[in-house]
């Protein structure tokens, strides 16, 4: 009788552990913001609003995600730089340039130790911005998107991979002066 109790207890623990893992995986999948794209875009873009991290040019720096400001690796009155690992091979760095507490430019660098992952991220970024704004033109090795923000003001996004054996994607969001 005592052996049966122990077996039932162990079986119950195994069932609980398996169901807990299943629940955690369901929650993780439910959190995907852009399931049709590489999972890196969930971290970098964060939301379908704005251009990057839910913000766009001309907005107050107060709209930059709080954790990016708090965990900035470099911050002063002219810029905020935030870095985050996406996975063991890939990380990204965002630098918000500021003028009078307003976002004037956004630079994103995505570094991946895997060229294949970098290629997928670059292609998915191109597809995302093509769908959201317009098809890019190719200019001197850069994909250039001519865009309009929520206030109908023109801005550009340039996108390229300057890597070799590793991927170094560079993206710049700016207004022509």
Foldseek 3Di string as FASTA:
>chain_A
DVVVVVVVVVVVVVVVVVVVVVVVVVVVVVLQACVVADSVCCVFQVHPAEDTCNHHFFAALVPRDPVQQVQFPDDDQQKTKGKDAPDPFKIKIWIFGDDPRTGAKIKMKMKGLAVVVLVRNLVRSQVSCCVVANHFDDDPQWTKTWGAHPVRDTKIKIWHWPDDNITIIMIMIHHDD
